[in-house]
Amino acid sequence: MTTQAPARTVSVLGLGLMGEALALALRKAGFAVAAWNRTAAKGAAVAAAGARLAATPADAVAGAQLVVVCVKD
């Protein structure tokens, strides 16, 4: 008998150089990713990889098992 592992959702806040690379790597590894960036257009590559772009930080972290914050200040 096989069981399927529960979905693992990671939220990435901030899609600069580090945040975008991390979000893309997480998607490639099979994680569900919810991402937010203050400039929504920066999320295009992450969305194309299958991540969910959130309108607000609160929306991005809702239901996530792990939250990664990649912002300057």
C-alpha atoms as a PDB file:
ATOM      1  CA  MET A   1       0.000   0.000   0.000  1.00  0.00           C
ATOM      2  CA  THR A   2       1.308   3.434  -0.870  1.00  0.00           C
ATOM      3  CA  THR A   3       0.365   6.733   0.611  1.00  0.00           C
ATOM      4  CA  GLN A   4       0.796  10.135  -0.919  1.00  0.00           C
ATOM      5  CA  ALA A   5       2.634  12.738   1.122  1.00  0.00           C
ATOM      6  CA  PRO A   6       0.549  15.765   2.032  1.00  0.00           C
ATOM      7  CA  ALA A   7       1.064  18.856  -0.092  1.00  0.00           C
ATOM      8  CA  ARG A   8       3.866  21.008   1.242  1.00  0.00           C
ATOM      9  CA  THR A   9       3.256  24.701   0.768  1.00  0.00           C
ATOM     10  CA  VAL A  10       5.997  27.283   1.111  1.00  0.00           C
ATOM     11  CA  SER A  11       5.317  30.999   1.012  1.00  0.00           C
ATOM     12  CA  VAL A  12       8.011  33.292  -0.382  1.00  0.00           C
ATOM     13  CA  LEU A  13       7.689  36.991   0.394  1.00  0.00           C
ATOM     14  CA  GLY A  14       9.902  39.093  -1.845  1.00  0.00           C
ATOM     15  CA  LEU A  15      10.831  38.061  -5.377  1.00  0.00           C
ATOM     16  CA  GLY A  16      14.139  39.800  -5.880  1.00  0.00           C
ATOM     17  CA  LEU A  17      17.225  37.845  -6.955  1.00  0.00           C
ATOM     18  CA  MET A  18      17.205  35.526  -3.950  1.00  0.00           C
ATOM     19  CA  GLY A  19      13.442  35.167  -3.512  1.00  0.00           C
ATOM     20  CA  GLU A  20      12.782  34.424  -7.172  1.00  0.00           C
ATOM     21  CA  ALA A  21      15.590  31.842  -7.353  1.00  0.00           C
ATOM     22  CA  LEU A  22      14.345  30.183  -4.177  1.00  0.00           C
ATOM     23  CA  ALA A  23      10.716  30.101  -5.348  1.00  0.00           C
ATOM     24  CA  LEU A  24      11.740  28.574  -8.690  1.00  0.00           C
ATOM     25  CA  ALA A  25      13.914  25.942  -6.982  1.00  0.00           C
ATOM     26  CA  LEU A  26      11.084  25.047  -4.604  1.00  0.00           C
ATOM     27  CA  ARG A  27       8.674  24.599  -7.535  1.00  0.00           C
ATOM     28  CA  LYS A  28      11.221  22.435  -9.331  1.00  0.00           C
ATOM     29  CA  ALA A  29      11.520  20.295  -6.182  1.00  0.00           C
ATOM     30  CA  GLY A  30       7.760  19.749  -6.152  1.00  0.00           C
ATOM     31  CA  PHE A  31       6.663  22.187  -3.478  1.00  0.00           C
ATOM     32  CA  ALA A  32       3.507  24.235  -3.798  1.00  0.00           C
ATOM     33  CA  VAL A  33       4.608  27.874  -3.674  1.00  0.00           C
ATOM     34  CA  ALA A  34       2.578  30.949  -2.794  1.00  0.00           C
ATOM     35  CA  ALA A  35       4.534  34.112  -3.511  1.00  0.00           C
ATOM     36  CA  TRP A  36       4.099  37.829  -2.974  1.00  0.00           C
ATOM     37  CA  ASN A  37       6.082  40.825  -4.131  1.00  0.00           C
ATOM     38  CA  ARG A  38       5.217  44.496  -3.719  1.00  0.00           C
ATOM     39  CA  THR A  39       5.710  44.884  -7.500  1.00  0.00           C
ATOM     40  CA  ALA A  40       3.438  42.209  -8.940  1.00  0.00           C
ATOM     41  CA  ALA A  41       5.149  42.160 -12.357  1.00  0.00           C
ATOM     42  CA  LYS A  42       8.282  40.711 -10.714  1.00  0.00           C
ATOM     43  CA  GLY A  43       6.331  37.488 -10.162  1.00  0.00           C
ATOM     44  CA  ALA A  44       5.907  36.590 -13.845  1.00  0.00           C
ATOM     45  CA  ALA A  45       8.626  33.913 -13.974  1.00  0.00           C
ATOM     46  CA  VAL A  46       7.484  32.374 -10.702  1.00  0.00           C
ATOM     47  CA  ALA A  47       3.863  32.279 -11.862  1.00  0.00           C
ATOM     48  CA  ALA A  48       4.937  30.710 -15.166  1.00  0.00           C
ATOM     49  CA  ALA A  49       6.603  27.951 -13.123  1.00  0.00           C
ATOM     50  CA  GLY A  50       3.293  27.213 -11.407  1.00  0.00           C
ATOM     51  CA  ALA A  51       3.483  29.262  -8.225  1.00  0.00           C
ATOM     52  CA  ARG A  52       0.425  31.097  -6.958  1.00  0.00           C
ATOM     53  CA  LEU A  53       0.924  34.856  -6.848  1.00  0.00           C
ATOM     54  CA  ALA A  54      -0.834  36.439  -3.911  1.00  0.00           C
ATOM     55  CA  ALA A  55      -2.238  39.964  -3.792  1.00  0.00           C
ATOM     56  CA  THR A  56      -1.143  40.529  -0.183  1.00  0.00           C
ATOM     57  CA  PRO A  57       1.454  39.079   2.195  1.00  0.00           C
ATOM     58  CA  ALA A  58      -1.369  37.761   4.394  1.00  0.00           C
ATOM     59  CA  ASP A  59      -2.851  35.895   1.435  1.00  0.00           C
ATOM     60  CA  ALA A  60       0.546  34.440   0.563  1.00  0.00           C
ATOM     61  CA  VAL A  61       1.188  33.007   4.032  1.00  0.00           C
ATOM     62  CA  ALA A  62      -2.319  31.650   4.635  1.00  0.00           C
ATOM     63  CA  GLY A  63      -2.045  27.881   4.863  1.00  0.00           C
ATOM     64  CA  ALA A  64       1.719  27.726   4.331  1.00  0.00           C
ATOM     65  CA  GLN A  65       3.776  25.289   6.371  1.00  0.00           C
ATOM     66  CA  LEU A  66       6.875  27.449   5.920  1.00  0.00           C
ATOM     67  CA  VAL A  67       7.308  31.174   5.270  1.00  0.00           C
ATOM     68  CA  VAL A  68      10.511  32.595   3.781  1.00  0.00           C
ATOM     69  CA  VAL A  69      11.023  36.366   3.858  1.00  0.00           C
ATOM     70  CA  CYS A  70      13.474  37.754   1.284  1.00  0.00           C
ATOM     71  CA  VAL A  71      13.277  41.529   1.608  1.00  0.00           C
ATOM     72  CA  LYS A  72      15.881  44.228   2.202  1.00  0.00           C
ATOM     73  CA  ASP A  73      14.304  46.081   5.097  1.00  0.00           C
END
